Amino acid sequence: MALLPLAHANDPEFGGQCALGMSEGNKIATDCSVLWIGPNDKIYCFYNEDAKRRFLQAPAENISRAQAAWQDPDNLKRLLRKE
């Protein structure tokens, strides 16, 4: 696991699951070696650099989707229908 600076010693969002995967409704375990410090110093982990790059193309939208899926997978389905 990557060592995080003390200022970012919070637990990663989504239990360390890949944030891009979560935004697509998939739980993909990571070791958090690829990460991004997002708004409010939250830690987002990614399966690989490509997943991080894709996530950062629309971070606000992807965070919203991932949060919906994390709280309840059916939330993501409802959110996607509205888009």
C-alpha atoms as a PDB file:
ATOM      1  CA  MET A   1       0.000   0.000   0.000  1.00  0.00           C
ATOM      2  CA  ALA A   2       1.260   3.477  -0.820  1.00  0.00           C
ATOM      3  CA  LEU A   3       2.308   5.632   2.097  1.00  0.00           C
ATOM      4  CA  LEU A   4       0.159   8.733   2.373  1.00  0.00           C
ATOM      5  CA  PRO A   5       1.330  12.094   3.717  1.00  0.00           C
ATOM      6  CA  LEU A   6       0.073  12.766   7.217  1.00  0.00           C
ATOM      7  CA  ALA A   7      -2.273  15.491   5.948  1.00  0.00           C
ATOM      8  CA  HIS A   8      -4.048  12.842   3.871  1.00  0.00           C
ATOM      9  CA  ALA A   9      -4.090  10.036   6.416  1.00  0.00           C
ATOM     10  CA  ASN A  10      -7.865   9.590   5.982  1.00  0.00           C
ATOM     11  CA  ASP A  11      -9.357   6.330   4.817  1.00  0.00           C
ATOM     12  CA  PRO A  12      -9.826   6.213   1.051  1.00  0.00           C
ATOM     13  CA  GLU A  13     -13.274   6.761  -0.382  1.00  0.00           C
ATOM     14  CA  PHE A  14     -15.327   3.680  -1.315  1.00  0.00           C
ATOM     15  CA  GLY A  15     -13.282   1.432   0.957  1.00  0.00           C
ATOM     16  CA  GLY A  16     -10.318   1.648  -1.419  1.00  0.00           C
ATOM     17  CA  GLN A  17     -12.303   0.310  -4.374  1.00  0.00           C
ATOM     18  CA  CYS A  18     -11.453   1.783  -7.790  1.00  0.00           C
ATOM     19  CA  ALA A  19     -13.321   5.099  -8.011  1.00  0.00           C
ATOM     20  CA  LEU A  20     -13.854   4.725 -11.766  1.00  0.00           C
ATOM     21  CA  GLY A  21     -15.180   1.207 -11.344  1.00  0.00           C
ATOM     22  CA  MET A  22     -17.491   2.389  -8.587  1.00  0.00           C
ATOM     23  CA  SER A  23     -18.778   5.203 -10.840  1.00  0.00           C
ATOM     24  CA  GLU A  24     -19.733   2.470 -13.315  1.00  0.00           C
ATOM     25  CA  GLY A  25     -21.363   0.335 -10.627  1.00  0.00           C
ATOM     26  CA  ASN A  26     -18.470  -2.146 -10.298  1.00  0.00           C
ATOM     27  CA  LYS A  27     -16.432  -2.944  -7.207  1.00  0.00           C
ATOM     28  CA  ILE A  28     -12.800  -3.389  -8.197  1.00  0.00           C
ATOM     29  CA  ALA A  29     -10.307  -3.841  -5.367  1.00  0.00           C
ATOM     30  CA  THR A  30      -7.132  -1.750  -5.425  1.00  0.00           C
ATOM     31  CA  ASP A  31      -4.012  -1.430  -3.308  1.00  0.00           C
ATOM     32  CA  CYS A  32      -4.316   2.387  -3.599  1.00  0.00           C
ATOM     33  CA  SER A  33      -0.918   2.647  -5.271  1.00  0.00           C
ATOM     34  CA  VAL A  34      -2.614   4.827  -7.922  1.00  0.00           C
ATOM     35  CA  LEU A  35      -4.555   7.582  -6.227  1.00  0.00           C
ATOM     36  CA  TRP A  36      -5.837  11.132  -6.499  1.00  0.00           C
ATOM     37  CA  ILE A  37      -6.437  13.583  -3.674  1.00  0.00           C
ATOM     38  CA  GLY A  38      -9.756  15.148  -4.605  1.00  0.00           C
ATOM     39  CA  PRO A  39     -11.990  17.851  -3.176  1.00  0.00           C
ATOM     40  CA  ASN A  40     -11.949  18.178   0.614  1.00  0.00           C
ATOM     41  CA  ASP A  41      -8.705  16.145   0.717  1.00  0.00           C
ATOM     42  CA  LYS A  42     -10.576  12.915  -0.006  1.00  0.00           C
ATOM     43  CA  ILE A  43      -8.504  10.011  -1.301  1.00  0.00           C
ATOM     44  CA  TYR A  44      -9.681   8.218  -4.440  1.00  0.00           C
ATOM     45  CA  CYS A  45      -7.936   4.978  -5.429  1.00  0.00           C
ATOM     46  CA  PHE A  46      -7.716   3.510  -8.930  1.00  0.00           C
ATOM     47  CA  TYR A  47      -7.004   0.114 -10.418  1.00  0.00           C
ATOM     48  CA  ASN A  48      -4.436   1.640 -12.793  1.00  0.00           C
ATOM     49  CA  GLU A  49      -3.300   4.938 -14.356  1.00  0.00           C
ATOM     50  CA  ASP A  50      -5.768   4.602 -17.245  1.00  0.00           C
ATOM     51  CA  ALA A  51      -8.696   4.347 -14.818  1.00  0.00           C
ATOM     52  CA  LYS A  52      -7.451   7.488 -13.054  1.00  0.00           C
ATOM     53  CA  ARG A  53      -7.067   9.352 -16.348  1.00  0.00           C
ATOM     54  CA  ARG A  54     -10.585   8.400 -17.442  1.00  0.00           C
ATOM     55  CA  PHE A  55     -12.065   9.333 -14.054  1.00  0.00           C
ATOM     56  CA  LEU A  56     -10.396  12.760 -14.133  1.00  0.00           C
ATOM     57  CA  GLN A  57     -11.972  13.606 -17.493  1.00  0.00           C
ATOM     58  CA  ALA A  58     -15.184  14.378 -15.536  1.00  0.00           C
ATOM     59  CA  PRO A  59     -14.328  14.143 -11.830  1.00  0.00           C
ATOM     60  CA  ALA A  60     -17.441  15.807 -10.369  1.00  0.00           C
ATOM     61  CA  GLU A  61     -19.796  13.599 -12.366  1.00  0.00           C
ATOM     62  CA  ASN A  62     -17.800  10.466 -11.607  1.00  0.00           C
ATOM     63  CA  ILE A  63     -17.668  11.258  -7.885  1.00  0.00           C
ATOM     64  CA  SER A  64     -21.443  11.729  -7.873  1.00  0.00           C
ATOM     65  CA  ARG A  65     -22.019   8.417  -9.644  1.00  0.00           C
ATOM     66  CA  ALA A  66     -19.540   6.570  -7.444  1.00  0.00           C
ATOM     67  CA  GLN A  67     -21.108   7.951  -4.265  1.00  0.00           C
ATOM     68  CA  ALA A  68     -24.557   6.891  -5.481  1.00  0.00           C
ATOM     69  CA  ALA A  69     -23.330   3.377  -6.269  1.00  0.00           C
ATOM     70  CA  TRP A  70     -21.455   3.087  -2.959  1.00  0.00           C
ATOM     71  CA  GLN A  71     -24.512   4.073  -0.934  1.00  0.00           C
ATOM     72  CA  ASP A  72     -26.864   1.787  -2.868  1.00  0.00           C
ATOM     73  CA  PRO A  73     -26.239   0.201  -6.291  1.00  0.00           C
ATOM     74  CA  ASP A  74     -29.844   0.964  -7.253  1.00  0.00           C
ATOM     75  CA  ASN A  75     -29.128   4.687  -6.740  1.00  0.00           C
ATOM     76  CA  LEU A  76     -26.672   4.585  -9.638  1.00  0.00           C
ATOM     77  CA  LYS A  77     -29.273   3.038 -11.911  1.00  0.00           C
ATOM     78  CA  ARG A  78     -31.745   5.812 -11.026  1.00  0.00           C
ATOM     79  CA  LEU A  79     -29.089   8.496 -11.522  1.00  0.00           C
ATOM     80  CA  LEU A  80     -28.111   7.165 -14.945  1.00  0.00           C
ATOM     81  CA  ARG A  81     -31.759   7.125 -16.068  1.00  0.00           C
ATOM     82  CA  LYS A  82     -31.998  10.856 -15.232  1.00  0.00           C
ATOM     83  CA  GLU A  83     -28.924  11.686 -17.332  1.00  0.00           C
END
